[in-house]
Amino acid sequence: MVETILQHMSDALSQGENVKISGFGTFLLRDKGERIGRNPKTGVEVPITPRRVMTFRASQMLKDRITD
């Protein structure tokens, strides 16, 4: 059952949809633009290509349970 739920979530995210689990949190997709980054070891500037990233935002209920 867990695998089925995760598959549905993955499918929705791959289609560009955000996934909200009530009382737990939201998985959000964000498009990041191209930018200049720096290699911390050498200090050389390199371009970072645009990409889509997934972030997680915990619900207030989850935050309250974790901090108590």
N, C-alpha and C. Protein backbone atom coordinates (compact mmCIF):
# COMPACT_ATOMS: atom_id res chain seq x y z
N MET A 1 0.81 -1.18 0.00
CA MET A 1 0.00 0.00 0.00
C MET A 1 0.87 1.26 0.00
N VAL A 2 1.95 1.25 0.78
CA VAL A 2 2.85 2.40 0.84
C VAL A 2 3.48 2.63 -0.54
N GLU A 3 3.91 1.56 -1.18
CA GLU A 3 4.51 1.68 -2.50
C GLU A 3 3.53 2.29 -3.51
N THR A 4 2.27 1.92 -3.42
CA THR A 4 1.25 2.46 -4.32
C THR A 4 1.08 3.96 -4.08
N ILE A 5 1.03 4.37 -2.84
CA ILE A 5 0.89 5.79 -2.51
C ILE A 5 2.10 6.57 -3.02
N LEU A 6 3.30 6.03 -2.79
CA LEU A 6 4.50 6.71 -3.26
C LEU A 6 4.53 6.80 -4.79
N GLN A 7 4.03 5.78 -5.46
CA GLN A 7 3.97 5.81 -6.92
C GLN A 7 3.03 6.91 -7.41
N HIS A 8 1.87 7.04 -6.76
CA HIS A 8 0.92 8.10 -7.12
C HIS A 8 1.52 9.48 -6.87
N MET A 9 2.23 9.62 -5.77
CA MET A 9 2.88 10.90 -5.47
C MET A 9 3.94 11.22 -6.52
N SER A 10 4.75 10.24 -6.86
CA SER A 10 5.80 10.43 -7.87
C SER A 10 5.21 10.80 -9.22
N ASP A 11 4.12 10.13 -9.59
CA ASP A 11 3.46 10.44 -10.86
C ASP A 11 2.95 11.87 -10.89
N ALA A 12 2.33 12.30 -9.80
CA ALA A 12 1.80 13.66 -9.73
C ALA A 12 2.93 14.68 -9.82
N LEU A 13 4.02 14.45 -9.09
CA LEU A 13 5.14 15.38 -9.12
C LEU A 13 5.79 15.43 -10.50
N SER A 14 5.90 14.29 -11.16
CA SER A 14 6.51 14.27 -12.49
C SER A 14 5.64 15.00 -13.51
N GLN A 15 4.35 15.14 -13.23
CA GLN A 15 3.44 15.87 -14.11
C GLN A 15 3.35 17.35 -13.73
N GLY A 16 4.18 17.77 -12.76
CA GLY A 16 4.23 19.17 -12.39
C GLY A 16 3.25 19.59 -11.31
N GLU A 17 2.60 18.63 -10.66
CA GLU A 17 1.63 18.94 -9.61
C GLU A 17 2.30 18.93 -8.25
N ASN A 18 1.84 19.80 -7.34
CA ASN A 18 2.29 19.75 -5.95
C ASN A 18 1.47 18.68 -5.23
N VAL A 19 2.06 18.10 -4.19
CA VAL A 19 1.37 17.04 -3.43
C VAL A 19 1.25 17.48 -1.98
N LYS A 20 0.01 17.53 -1.49
CA LYS A 20 -0.25 17.92 -0.11
C LYS A 20 -0.80 16.73 0.66
N ILE A 21 -0.19 16.46 1.81
CA ILE A 21 -0.67 15.43 2.72
C ILE A 21 -1.14 16.15 3.97
N SER A 22 -2.43 16.17 4.17
CA SER A 22 -3.03 16.93 5.27
C SER A 22 -2.45 16.48 6.61
N GLY A 23 -2.04 17.44 7.41
CA GLY A 23 -1.48 17.15 8.73
C GLY A 23 -0.02 16.76 8.70
N PHE A 24 0.57 16.64 7.51
CA PHE A 24 1.97 16.24 7.39
C PHE A 24 2.79 17.33 6.70
N GLY A 25 2.40 17.68 5.47
CA GLY A 25 3.13 18.72 4.77
C GLY A 25 2.85 18.69 3.28
N THR A 26 3.60 19.52 2.55
CA THR A 26 3.41 19.67 1.13
C THR A 26 4.74 19.51 0.40
N PHE A 27 4.73 18.72 -0.66
CA PHE A 27 5.86 18.60 -1.55
C PHE A 27 5.62 19.58 -2.70
N LEU A 28 6.53 20.55 -2.85
CA LEU A 28 6.36 21.61 -3.84
C LEU A 28 7.43 21.50 -4.91
N LEU A 29 7.06 21.83 -6.14
CA LEU A 29 8.01 21.90 -7.23
C LEU A 29 8.34 23.36 -7.49
N ARG A 30 9.60 23.63 -7.73
CA ARG A 30 10.05 24.99 -7.99
C ARG A 30 11.03 24.98 -9.16
N ASP A 31 10.87 25.91 -10.08
CA ASP A 31 11.81 26.04 -11.18
C ASP A 31 12.86 27.07 -10.78
N LYS A 32 14.12 26.65 -10.84
CA LYS A 32 15.22 27.56 -10.53
C LYS A 32 15.87 27.99 -11.83
N GLY A 33 16.14 29.25 -11.94
CA GLY A 33 16.76 29.79 -13.14
C GLY A 33 18.26 29.56 -13.18
N GLU A 34 18.85 29.89 -14.31
CA GLU A 34 20.30 29.77 -14.45
C GLU A 34 20.96 30.83 -13.57
N ARG A 35 22.10 30.47 -12.99
CA ARG A 35 22.83 31.40 -12.15
C ARG A 35 24.31 31.06 -12.17
N ILE A 36 25.08 31.92 -11.63
CA ILE A 36 26.52 31.69 -11.54
C ILE A 36 26.83 31.18 -10.14
N GLY A 37 27.54 30.06 -10.09
CA GLY A 37 27.97 29.49 -8.82
C GLY A 37 29.49 29.56 -8.73
N ARG A 38 30.00 29.16 -7.60
CA ARG A 38 31.45 29.21 -7.39
C ARG A 38 31.92 27.89 -6.80
N ASN A 39 32.95 27.33 -7.39
CA ASN A 39 33.56 26.12 -6.85
C ASN A 39 34.24 26.51 -5.54
N PRO A 40 33.80 25.97 -4.40
CA PRO A 40 34.37 26.41 -3.12
C PRO A 40 35.85 26.04 -2.96
N LYS A 41 36.29 25.02 -3.65
CA LYS A 41 37.68 24.59 -3.52
C LYS A 41 38.63 25.47 -4.30
N THR A 42 38.23 25.80 -5.55
CA THR A 42 39.12 26.57 -6.42
C THR A 42 38.72 28.03 -6.55
N GLY A 43 37.47 28.38 -6.23
CA GLY A 43 37.00 29.74 -6.37
C GLY A 43 36.61 30.11 -7.79
N VAL A 44 36.65 29.16 -8.71
CA VAL A 44 36.31 29.41 -10.11
C VAL A 44 34.79 29.52 -10.25
N GLU A 45 34.34 30.54 -10.99
CA GLU A 45 32.91 30.71 -11.23
C GLU A 45 32.47 29.77 -12.35
N VAL A 46 31.32 29.13 -12.14
CA VAL A 46 30.77 28.21 -13.14
C VAL A 46 29.27 28.47 -13.27
N PRO A 47 28.73 28.33 -14.49
CA PRO A 47 27.28 28.51 -14.64
C PRO A 47 26.54 27.27 -14.13
N ILE A 48 25.43 27.51 -13.43
CA ILE A 48 24.57 26.44 -12.96
C ILE A 48 23.32 26.47 -13.83
N THR A 49 23.03 25.35 -14.47
CA THR A 49 21.93 25.29 -15.43
C THR A 49 20.58 25.38 -14.73
N PRO A 50 19.56 25.88 -15.45
CA PRO A 50 18.21 25.91 -14.86
C PRO A 50 17.71 24.50 -14.60
N ARG A 51 16.92 24.34 -13.56
CA ARG A 51 16.42 23.02 -13.23
C ARG A 51 15.17 23.13 -12.36
N ARG A 52 14.48 22.03 -12.23
CA ARG A 52 13.30 21.94 -11.37
C ARG A 52 13.72 21.18 -10.11
N VAL A 53 13.36 21.73 -8.96
CA VAL A 53 13.70 21.09 -7.69
C VAL A 53 12.44 20.84 -6.90
N MET A 54 12.50 19.85 -6.03
CA MET A 54 11.38 19.55 -5.15
C MET A 54 11.76 19.97 -3.74
N THR A 55 10.84 20.65 -3.08
CA THR A 55 11.05 21.05 -1.69
C THR A 55 9.90 20.49 -0.86
N PHE A 56 10.14 20.41 0.44
CA PHE A 56 9.10 19.94 1.36
C PHE A 56 8.85 21.01 2.38
N ARG A 57 7.59 21.31 2.60
CA ARG A 57 7.20 22.26 3.65
C ARG A 57 6.31 21.53 4.64
N ALA A 58 6.79 21.42 5.85
CA ALA A 58 6.05 20.70 6.90
C ALA A 58 4.82 21.51 7.31
N SER A 59 3.75 20.80 7.65
CA SER A 59 2.53 21.46 8.13
C SER A 59 2.77 21.96 9.55
N GLN A 60 1.94 22.89 9.98
CA GLN A 60 2.06 23.41 11.34
C GLN A 60 1.83 22.31 12.36
N MET A 61 0.93 21.37 12.05
CA MET A 61 0.66 20.26 12.96
C MET A 61 1.91 19.41 13.15
N LEU A 62 2.63 19.12 12.08
CA LEU A 62 3.86 18.33 12.17
C LEU A 62 4.93 19.10 12.94
N LYS A 63 5.05 20.39 12.66
CA LYS A 63 6.03 21.21 13.37
C LYS A 63 5.76 21.21 14.87
N ASP A 64 4.49 21.33 15.24
CA ASP A 64 4.12 21.34 16.65
C ASP A 64 4.46 20.01 17.33
N ARG A 65 4.23 18.92 16.64
CA ARG A 65 4.52 17.59 17.23
C ARG A 65 6.03 17.37 17.41
N ILE A 66 6.81 17.88 16.47
CA ILE A 66 8.26 17.68 16.52
C ILE A 66 8.90 18.50 17.63
N THR A 67 8.43 19.74 17.81
CA THR A 67 9.07 20.63 18.77
C THR A 67 8.60 20.43 20.20
N ASP A 68 7.53 19.70 20.41
CA ASP A 68 7.06 19.48 21.79
C ASP A 68 7.77 18.34 22.46
